PDB file of N, CA and C in Angstrom:
ATOM      1  N   MET A   1      89.648 100.549 100.458  1.00  0.00           N
ATOM      2  CA  MET A   1      88.681  99.713 100.334  1.00  0.00           C
ATOM      3  C   MET A   1      87.433 100.367 100.793  1.00  0.00           C
ATOM      4  N   VAL A   2      86.449 100.647 100.014  1.00  0.00           N
ATOM      5  CA  VAL A   2      85.115 101.314 100.523  1.00  0.00           C
ATOM      6  C   VAL A   2      84.112 100.427  99.957  1.00  0.00           C
ATOM      7  N   ALA A   3      83.177  99.769 100.641  1.00  0.00           N
ATOM      8  CA  ALA A   3      81.630  99.278 100.265  1.00  0.00           C
ATOM      9  C   ALA A   3      80.697  99.965 100.880  1.00  0.00           C
ATOM     10  N   ALA A   4      79.564  99.488 100.166  1.00  0.00           N
ATOM     11  CA  ALA A   4      78.426 100.320 100.411  1.00  0.00           C
ATOM     12  C   ALA A   4      77.893  99.313 101.868  1.00  0.00           C
ATOM     13  N   ARG A   5      77.489 100.127 102.570  1.00  0.00           N
ATOM     14  CA  ARG A   5      76.660  99.228 103.816  1.00  0.00           C
ATOM     15  C   ARG A   5      75.079  99.987 104.079  1.00  0.00           C
ATOM     16  N   ALA A   6      74.534  99.353 104.698  1.00  0.00           N
ATOM     17  CA  ALA A   6      73.022  99.174 104.950  1.00  0.00           C
ATOM     18  C   ALA A   6      72.900 100.814 105.577  1.00  0.00           C
ATOM     19  N   GLY A   7      71.708 101.453 105.336  1.00  0.00           N
ATOM     20  CA  GLY A   7      71.690 102.605 105.646  1.00  0.00           C
ATOM     21  C   GLY A   7      72.712 104.026 105.597  1.00  0.00           C
ATOM     22  N   LYS A   8      73.198 104.718 106.175  1.00  0.00           N
ATOM     23  CA  LYS A   8      74.099 105.882 105.661  1.00  0.00           C
ATOM     24  C   LYS A   8      75.785 106.008 106.161  1.00  0.00           C
ATOM     25  N   THR A   9      75.755 104.122 106.171  1.00  0.00           N
ATOM     26  CA  THR A   9      77.375 104.048 106.855  1.00  0.00           C
ATOM     27  C   THR A   9      78.007 103.657 105.444  1.00  0.00           C
ATOM     28  N   VAL A  10      79.683 104.027 105.990  1.00  0.00           N
ATOM     29  CA  VAL A  10      80.392 103.415 104.732  1.00  0.00           C
ATOM     30  C   VAL A  10      81.585 102.350 105.412  1.00  0.00           C
ATOM     31  N   LYS A  11      81.891 101.488 105.157  1.00  0.00           N
ATOM     32  CA  LYS A  11      82.854 100.466 105.310  1.00  0.00           C
ATOM     33  C   LYS A  11      84.319 101.122 104.908  1.00  0.00           C
ATOM     34  N   VAL A  12      85.218 101.336 105.890  1.00  0.00           N
ATOM     35  CA  VAL A  12      86.459 101.532 105.369  1.00  0.00           C
ATOM     36  C   VAL A  12      87.586 100.885 105.937  1.00  0.00           C
ATOM     37  N   SER A  13      88.903 101.142 105.612  1.00  0.00           N
ATOM     38  CA  SER A  13      89.873 100.312 106.158  1.00  0.00           C
ATOM     39  C   SER A  13      90.937 101.137 106.402  1.00  0.00           C
ATOM     40  N   VAL A  14      91.418 101.496 107.971  1.00  0.00           N
ATOM     41  CA  VAL A  14      92.251 102.432 108.649  1.00  0.00           C
ATOM     42  C   VAL A  14      93.467 101.483 108.950  1.00  0.00           C
ATOM     43  N   SER A  15      94.539 102.115 109.120  1.00  0.00           N
ATOM     44  CA  SER A  15      95.654 101.693 109.739  1.00  0.00           C
ATOM     45  C   SER A  15      96.148 102.701 110.934  1.00  0.00           C
ATOM     46  N   LEU A  16      95.976 101.931 112.503  1.00  0.00           N
ATOM     47  CA  LEU A  16      96.264 102.482 113.599  1.00  0.00           C
ATOM     48  C   LEU A  16      97.685 101.967 114.085  1.00  0.00           C
ATOM     49  N   SER A  17      98.357 102.449 114.738  1.00  0.00           N
ATOM     50  CA  SER A  17      99.592 102.459 115.970  1.00  0.00           C
ATOM     51  C   SER A  17      98.884 101.145 116.963  1.00  0.00           C
ATOM     52  N   LYS A  18      99.199 100.087 117.186  1.00  0.00           N
ATOM     53  CA  LYS A  18      98.573  99.091 118.036  1.00  0.00           C
ATOM     54  C   LYS A  18      98.219 100.057 119.655  1.00  0.00           C
ATOM     55  N   GLU A  19      98.774 101.494 120.040  1.00  0.00           N
ATOM     56  CA  GLU A  19      98.541 101.984 121.218  1.00  0.00           C
ATOM     57  C   GLU A  19      97.347 102.967 120.993  1.00  0.00           C
ATOM     58  N   ASP A  20      96.958 103.317 119.660  1.00  0.00           N
ATOM     59  CA  ASP A  20      95.904 104.317 119.370  1.00  0.00           C
ATOM     60  C   ASP A  20      94.932 103.459 119.301  1.00  0.00           C
ATOM     61  N   LEU A  21      94.613 102.185 118.556  1.00  0.00           N
ATOM     62  CA  LEU A  21      93.574 101.279 118.660  1.00  0.00           C
ATOM     63  C   LEU A  21      93.105 100.438 119.989  1.00  0.00           C
ATOM     64  N   ALA A  22      94.260 100.278 120.897  1.00  0.00           N
ATOM     65  CA  ALA A  22      94.119  99.692 122.093  1.00  0.00           C
ATOM     66  C   ALA A  22      93.327 101.088 122.791  1.00  0.00           C
ATOM     67  N   THR A  23      93.740 102.461 122.943  1.00  0.00           N
ATOM     68  CA  THR A  23      92.882 103.677 123.360  1.00  0.00           C
ATOM     69  C   THR A  23      91.649 103.231 122.867  1.00  0.00           C
ATOM     70  N   LEU A  24      91.419 103.330 121.681  1.00  0.00           N
ATOM     71  CA  LEU A  24      89.924 103.170 121.187  1.00  0.00           C
ATOM     72  C   LEU A  24      89.008 102.225 121.397  1.00  0.00           C
ATOM     73  N   ARG A  25      89.999 101.017 121.608  1.00  0.00           N
ATOM     74  CA  ARG A  25      88.957  99.962 122.140  1.00  0.00           C
ATOM     75  C   ARG A  25      88.494 100.089 123.702  1.00  0.00           C
ATOM     76  N   ARG A  26      89.636 100.526 124.206  1.00  0.00           N
ATOM     77  CA  ARG A  26      89.172 100.902 125.953  1.00  0.00           C
ATOM     78  C   ARG A  26      88.125 101.756 125.799  1.00  0.00           C
ATOM     79  N   HIS A  27      87.915 102.916 124.869  1.00  0.00           N
ATOM     80  CA  HIS A  27      87.186 103.899 125.154  1.00  0.00           C
ATOM     81  C   HIS A  27      85.321 103.085 124.567  1.00  0.00           C
ATOM     82  N   ALA A  28      85.660 102.619 123.470  1.00  0.00           N
ATOM     83  CA  ALA A  28      84.384 101.950 122.972  1.00  0.00           C
ATOM     84  C   ALA A  28      83.809 100.967 124.291  1.00  0.00           C
ATOM     85  N   LYS A  29      85.064 100.235 124.707  1.00  0.00           N
ATOM     86  CA  LYS A  29      84.074  99.147 125.701  1.00  0.00           C
ATOM     87  C   LYS A  29      83.593  99.954 126.934  1.00  0.00           C
ATOM     88  N   ALA A  30      84.055 101.300 127.293  1.00  0.00           N
ATOM     89  CA  ALA A  30      83.619 101.853 128.539  1.00  0.00           C
ATOM     90  C   ALA A  30      82.541 102.758 127.878  1.00  0.00           C
ATOM     91  N   GLU A  31      82.306 103.155 126.769  1.00  0.00           N
ATOM     92  CA  GLU A  31      81.229 104.344 126.299  1.00  0.00           C
ATOM     93  C   GLU A  31      80.351 103.696 125.535  1.00  0.00           C
ATOM     94  N   HIS A  32      80.501 102.685 124.731  1.00  0.00           N
ATOM     95  CA  HIS A  32      79.770 102.213 123.599  1.00  0.00           C
ATOM     96  C   HIS A  32      79.444 100.932 123.621  1.00  0.00           C
ATOM     97  N   GLN A  33      79.562 100.372 124.655  1.00  0.00           N
ATOM     98  CA  GLN A  33      79.322  98.719 124.895  1.00  0.00           C
ATOM     99  C   GLN A  33      80.163  98.063 123.828  1.00  0.00           C
ATOM    100  N   GLY A  34      81.336  98.251 123.573  1.00  0.00           N
ATOM    101  CA  GLY A  34      82.592  97.526 122.956  1.00  0.00           C
ATOM    102  C   GLY A  34      82.231  97.890 121.378  1.00  0.00           C
ATOM    103  N   ASN A  35      81.265  98.997 120.869  1.00  0.00           N
ATOM    104  CA  ASN A  35      81.135  99.362 119.496  1.00  0.00           C
ATOM    105  C   ASN A  35      82.225 100.302 118.959  1.00  0.00           C
ATOM    106  N   LEU A  36      83.132  99.767 118.338  1.00  0.00           N
ATOM    107  CA  LEU A  36      84.456 100.203 118.049  1.00  0.00           C
ATOM    108  C   LEU A  36      83.771 101.187 117.069  1.00  0.00           C
ATOM    109  N   SER A  37      83.003 101.122 116.137  1.00  0.00           N
ATOM    110  CA  SER A  37      82.573 102.271 115.276  1.00  0.00           C
ATOM    111  C   SER A  37      81.928 103.103 115.705  1.00  0.00           C
ATOM    112  N   ALA A  38      81.239 103.211 116.740  1.00  0.00           N
ATOM    113  CA  ALA A  38      80.514 104.331 117.466  1.00  0.00           C
ATOM    114  C   ALA A  38      81.702 104.935 118.165  1.00  0.00           C
ATOM    115  N   ALA A  39      82.830 104.451 118.595  1.00  0.00           N
ATOM    116  CA  ALA A  39      84.178 105.081 119.124  1.00  0.00           C
ATOM    117  C   ALA A  39      84.608 106.205 118.386  1.00  0.00           C
ATOM    118  N   PHE A  40      84.861 105.634 116.934  1.00  0.00           N
ATOM    119  CA  PHE A  40      85.244 106.317 115.704  1.00  0.00           C
ATOM    120  C   PHE A  40      84.178 107.474 115.359  1.00  0.00           C
ATOM    121  N   ALA A  41      82.739 107.382 115.353  1.00  0.00           N
ATOM    122  CA  ALA A  41      81.892 108.224 114.931  1.00  0.00           C
ATOM    123  C   ALA A  41      81.988 109.588 116.024  1.00  0.00           C
ATOM    124  N   GLU A  42      82.117 108.978 117.010  1.00  0.00           N
ATOM    125  CA  GLU A  42      82.148 110.204 118.382  1.00  0.00           C
ATOM    126  C   GLU A  42      83.354 110.925 118.057  1.00  0.00           C
ATOM    127  N   ALA A  43      84.553 110.322 117.769  1.00  0.00           N
ATOM    128  CA  ALA A  43      85.749 111.079 117.472  1.00  0.00           C
ATOM    129  C   ALA A  43      85.869 112.090 116.512  1.00  0.00           C
ATOM    130  N   ALA A  44      85.072 111.654 115.151  1.00  0.00           N
ATOM    131  CA  ALA A  44      84.537 112.197 113.759  1.00  0.00           C
ATOM    132  C   ALA A  44      83.877 113.569 114.178  1.00  0.00           C
ATOM    133  N   ARG A  45      82.813 113.316 115.192  1.00  0.00           N
ATOM    134  CA  ARG A  45      81.591 114.153 115.686  1.00  0.00           C
ATOM    135  C   ARG A  45      82.522 115.312 116.626  1.00  0.00           C
ATOM    136  N   LEU A  46      83.501 114.934 117.037  1.00  0.00           N
ATOM    137  CA  LEU A  46      84.256 115.846 118.086  1.00  0.00           C
ATOM    138  C   LEU A  46      85.286 116.821 116.835  1.00  0.00           C
ATOM    139  N   LEU A  47      85.674 116.196 115.955  1.00  0.00           N
ATOM    140  CA  LEU A  47      86.411 117.213 114.964  1.00  0.00           C
ATOM    141  C   LEU A  47      85.908 117.863 114.410  1.00  0.00           C
ATOM    142  N   ARG A  48      84.415 117.522 113.863  1.00  0.00           N
ATOM    143  CA  ARG A  48      83.411 118.619 113.075  1.00  0.00           C
ATOM    144  C   ARG A  48      83.285 119.400 113.990  1.00  0.00           C
ATOM    145  N   GLN A  49      83.058 119.516 115.563  1.00  0.00           N
ATOM    146  CA  GLN A  49      82.660 119.955 116.291  1.00  0.00           C
ATOM    147  C   GLN A  49      83.970 121.467 116.586  1.00  0.00           C
ATOM    148  N   ARG A  50      85.296 120.667 116.753  1.00  0.00           N
ATOM    149  CA  ARG A  50      86.347 121.545 116.692  1.00  0.00           C
ATOM    150  C   ARG A  50      86.648 122.718 115.484  1.00  0.00           C
ATOM    151  N   ALA A  51      86.312 122.224 114.190  1.00  0.00           N
ATOM    152  CA  ALA A  51      86.468 122.541 112.756  1.00  0.00           C
ATOM    153  C   ALA A  51      85.075 123.861 112.937  1.00  0.00           C
ATOM    154  N   ALA A  52      84.257 123.475 113.288  1.00  0.00           N
ATOM    155  CA  ALA A  52      82.993 124.673 113.144  1.00  0.00           C
ATOM    156  C   ALA A  52      83.529 125.665 114.421  1.00  0.00           C
ATOM    157  N   ARG A  53      83.917 125.406 115.151  1.00  0.00           N
ATOM    158  CA  ARG A  53      84.465 126.440 116.799  1.00  0.00           C
ATOM    159  C   ARG A  53      85.435 127.161 115.525  1.00  0.00           C
ATOM    160  N   ARG A  54      86.477 126.744 115.262  1.00  0.00           N
ATOM    161  CA  ARG A  54      87.485 127.418 114.605  1.00  0.00           C
ATOM    162  C   ARG A  54      86.871 128.389 113.372  1.00  0.00           C
ATOM    163  N   ARG A  55      85.703 128.103 112.671  1.00  0.00           N
ATOM    164  CA  ARG A  55      85.161 128.663 111.758  1.00  0.00           C
ATOM    165  C   ARG A  55      84.633 129.906 112.328  1.00  0.00           C
ATOM    166  N   LEU A  56      83.885 129.605 113.062  1.00  0.00           N
ATOM    167  CA  LEU A  56      82.908 130.695 114.022  1.00  0.00           C
ATOM    168  C   LEU A  56      83.747 131.507 114.591  1.00  0.00           C
ATOM    169  N   LEU A  57      84.991 131.142 115.171  1.00  0.00           N
ATOM    170  CA  LEU A  57      86.070 132.288 115.732  1.00  0.00           C
ATOM    171  C   LEU A  57      86.767 132.891 114.444  1.00  0.00           C
ATOM    172  N   ASP A  58      87.099 132.319 113.427  1.00  0.00           N
ATOM    173  CA  ASP A  58      87.572 133.273 112.368  1.00  0.00           C
ATOM    174  C   ASP A  58      86.225 134.185 111.783  1.00  0.00           C
ATOM    175  N   GLU A  59      84.809 133.655 111.443  1.00  0.00           N
ATOM    176  CA  GLU A  59      84.122 134.644 111.382  1.00  0.00           C
ATOM    177  C   GLU A  59      83.819 136.018 112.108  1.00  0.00           C
ATOM    178  N   LEU A  60      83.810 135.612 113.394  1.00  0.00           N
ATOM    179  CA  LEU A  60      83.702 136.800 114.164  1.00  0.00           C
ATOM    180  C   LEU A  60      84.946 137.354 114.893  1.00  0.00           C
ATOM    181  N   GLY A  61      86.012 137.208 114.568  1.00  0.00           N
ATOM    182  CA  GLY A  61      87.394 137.656 114.445  1.00  0.00           C
ATOM    183  C   GLY A  61      87.930 137.459 116.161  1.00  0.00           C
ATOM    184  N   GLY A  62      87.319 136.584 116.754  1.00  0.00           N
ATOM    185  CA  GLY A  62      87.853 136.402 118.121  1.00  0.00           C
ATOM    186  C   GLY A  62      88.734 135.775 118.409  1.00  0.00           C
ATOM    187  N   PRO A  63      89.439 135.544 119.402  1.00  0.00           N
ATOM    188  CA  PRO A  63      90.686 134.807 119.624  1.00  0.00           C
ATOM    189  C   PRO A  63      90.741 133.322 119.671  1.00  0.00           C
ATOM    190  N   ALA A  64      91.892 133.184 119.673  1.00  0.00           N
ATOM    191  CA  ALA A  64      91.820 131.444 119.740  1.00  0.00           C
ATOM    192  C   ALA A  64      91.480 130.613 120.670  1.00  0.00           C
ATOM    193  N   LEU A  65      90.680 129.449 120.752  1.00  0.00           N
ATOM    194  CA  LEU A  65      90.279 128.884 121.772  1.00  0.00           C
ATOM    195  C   LEU A  65      91.388 128.524 122.490  1.00  0.00           C
ATOM    196  N   THR A  66      91.797 128.661 123.995  1.00  0.00           N
ATOM    197  CA  THR A  66      92.744 127.824 124.988  1.00  0.00           C
ATOM    198  C   THR A  66      92.169 126.334 124.884  1.00  0.00           C
ATOM    199  N   LEU A  67      93.055 125.365 125.350  1.00  0.00           N
ATOM    200  CA  LEU A  67      92.381 124.060 125.806  1.00  0.00           C
ATOM    201  C   LEU A  67      91.332 123.918 126.841  1.00  0.00           C
ATOM    202  N   GLU A  68      91.594 124.832 128.021  1.00  0.00           N
ATOM    203  CA  GLU A  68      90.656 125.162 128.941  1.00  0.00           C
ATOM    204  C   GLU A  68      89.481 125.376 128.406  1.00  0.00           C
ATOM    205  N   SER A  69      89.270 126.484 127.362  1.00  0.00           N
ATOM    206  CA  SER A  69      88.227 127.089 127.133  1.00  0.00           C
ATOM    207  C   SER A  69      87.297 126.173 126.160  1.00  0.00           C
ATOM    208  N   ALA A  70      88.050 125.368 125.101  1.00  0.00           N
ATOM    209  CA  ALA A  70      87.582 124.100 124.767  1.00  0.00           C
ATOM    210  C   ALA A  70      86.739 123.170 125.211  1.00  0.00           C
ATOM    211  N   ALA A  71      87.450 122.870 126.500  1.00  0.00           N
ATOM    212  CA  ALA A  71      86.741 121.931 127.576  1.00  0.00           C
ATOM    213  C   ALA A  71      85.601 122.417 127.933  1.00  0.00           C
ATOM    214  N   ALA A  72      85.639 123.582 128.660  1.00  0.00           N
ATOM    215  CA  ALA A  72      84.473 124.335 129.140  1.00  0.00           C
ATOM    216  C   ALA A  72      83.468 124.166 127.941  1.00  0.00           C
ATOM    217  N   ILE A  73      83.464 124.465 127.216  1.00  0.00           N
ATOM    218  CA  ILE A  73      82.379 124.397 125.883  1.00  0.00           C
ATOM    219  C   ILE A  73      81.801 122.745 125.876  1.00  0.00           C
ATOM    220  N   ASP A  74      82.866 122.138 125.680  1.00  0.00           N
ATOM    221  CA  ASP A  74      82.935 120.798 125.415  1.00  0.00           C
ATOM    222  C   ASP A  74      81.717 120.148 126.736  1.00  0.00           C
ATOM    223  N   ALA A  75      81.911 120.820 127.872  1.00  0.00           N
ATOM    224  CA  ALA A  75      81.264 120.205 128.739  1.00  0.00           C
ATOM    225  C   ALA A  75      80.153 120.913 128.981  1.00  0.00           C
ATOM    226  N   GLU A  76      79.896 122.040 128.555  1.00  0.00           N
ATOM    227  CA  GLU A  76      78.328 123.116 128.572  1.00  0.00           C
ATOM    228  C   GLU A  76      77.724 122.404 127.455  1.00  0.00           C
ATOM    229  N   GLN A  77      78.109 121.658 126.381  1.00  0.00           N
ATOM    230  CA  GLN A  77      77.274 121.058 125.261  1.00  0.00           C
ATOM    231  C   GLN A  77      76.902 119.717 125.530  1.00  0.00           C
ATOM    232  N   GLU A  78      77.598 119.356 126.460  1.00  0.00           N
ATOM    233  CA  GLU A  78      77.179 117.586 126.991  1.00  0.00           C
ATOM    234  C   GLU A  78      76.435 117.682 128.378  1.00  0.00           C
ATOM    235  N   GLY A  79      75.933 118.807 128.853  1.00  0.00           N
ATOM    236  CA  GLY A  79      75.291 119.248 130.030  1.00  0.00           C
ATOM    237  C   GLY A  79      76.259 118.802 131.203  1.00  0.00           C
ATOM    238  N   ARG A  80      77.615 118.898 131.280  1.00  0.00           N
ATOM    239  CA  ARG A  80      78.037 118.798 132.442  1.00  0.00           C
ATOM    240  C   ARG A  80      78.609 120.073 133.008  1.00  0.00           C
ATOM    241  N   ARG A  81      79.377 120.329 134.317  1.00  0.00           N
ATOM    242  CA  ARG A  81      80.018 121.596 134.583  1.00  0.00           C
ATOM    243  C   ARG A  81      80.930 121.636 134.039  1.00  0.00           C
ATOM    244  N   PRO A  82      81.521 122.936 133.771  1.00  0.00           N
ATOM    245  CA  PRO A  82      82.716 122.719 133.116  1.00  0.00           C
ATOM    246  C   PRO A  82      83.823 122.641 134.214  1.00  0.00           C
ATOM    247  N   PRO A  83      85.127 122.303 133.697  1.00  0.00           N
ATOM    248  CA  PRO A  83      86.247 121.718 134.324  1.00  0.00           C
ATOM    249  C   PRO A  83      86.567 122.950 135.225  1.00  0.00           C
ATOM    250  N   THR A  84      87.117 123.157 136.482  1.00  0.00           N
ATOM    251  CA  THR A  84      87.720 124.045 137.246  1.00  0.00           C
ATOM    252  C   THR A  84      89.020 123.662 137.534  1.00  0.00           C
ATOM    253  N   LYS A  85      89.698 124.976 137.728  1.00  0.00           N
ATOM    254  CA  LYS A  85      91.574 124.647 138.339  1.00  0.00           C
ATOM    255  C   LYS A  85      91.078 124.252 139.775  1.00  0.00           C
ATOM    256  N   PRO A  86      91.904 123.147 140.025  1.00  0.00           N
ATOM    257  CA  PRO A  86      91.923 122.502 141.322  1.00  0.00           C
ATOM    258  C   PRO A  86      92.642 124.160 142.479  1.00  0.00           C
ATOM    259  N   ARG A  87      92.160 124.122 143.448  1.00  0.00           N
ATOM    260  CA  ARG A  87      92.214 124.747 144.447  1.00  0.00           C
ATOM    261  C   ARG A  87      93.882 124.953 144.983  1.00  0.00           C
ATOM    262  N   THR A  88      94.043 125.927 145.569  1.00  0.00           N
ATOM    263  CA  THR A  88      95.647 125.899 146.040  1.00  0.00           C
ATOM    264  C   THR A  88      95.361 126.359 147.404  1.00  0.00           C
ATOM    265  N   ARG A  89      96.148 125.616 148.434  1.00  0.00           N
ATOM    266  CA  ARG A  89      95.954 126.014 149.841  1.00  0.00           C
ATOM    267  C   ARG A  89      96.990 126.816 150.176  1.00  0.00           C
ATOM    268  N   THR A  90      96.501 127.804 151.043  1.00  0.00           N
ATOM    269  CA  THR A  90      97.458 128.589 151.470  1.00  0.00           C
ATOM    270  C   THR A  90      97.840 128.295 153.214  1.00  0.00           C
ATOM    271  N   ALA A  91      98.994 128.578 153.659  1.00  0.00           N
ATOM    272  CA  ALA A  91      99.187 128.402 154.902  1.00  0.00           C
ATOM    273  C   ALA A  91      98.742 129.321 155.669  1.00  0.00           C
ATOM    274  N   ALA A  92      97.962 128.513 157.062  1.00  0.00           N
ATOM    275  CA  ALA A  92      97.214 129.627 157.778  1.00  0.00           C
ATOM    276  C   ALA A  92      98.231 130.086 158.785  1.00  0.00           C
TER     277      ALA A  92
END
């Protein structure tokens, strides 16, 4: 079911597991003042970024990204410090 919306948006109907919907609602409440559409839009943006990275790596012939590398790139794009590995303590 698709209906025309004001502006550039389109209304759609989706089916999700209860757990996935609960996760999206929690994220929407924490990050988007409860706006579930904004949470979906953020997920779509992240998927577009991931696809663009894959295309770029394919074009450049580079290695596949690890989860750690992808997280570091995401952090840099958002202006955060990249995640680091926890330090391990050695006995004195």
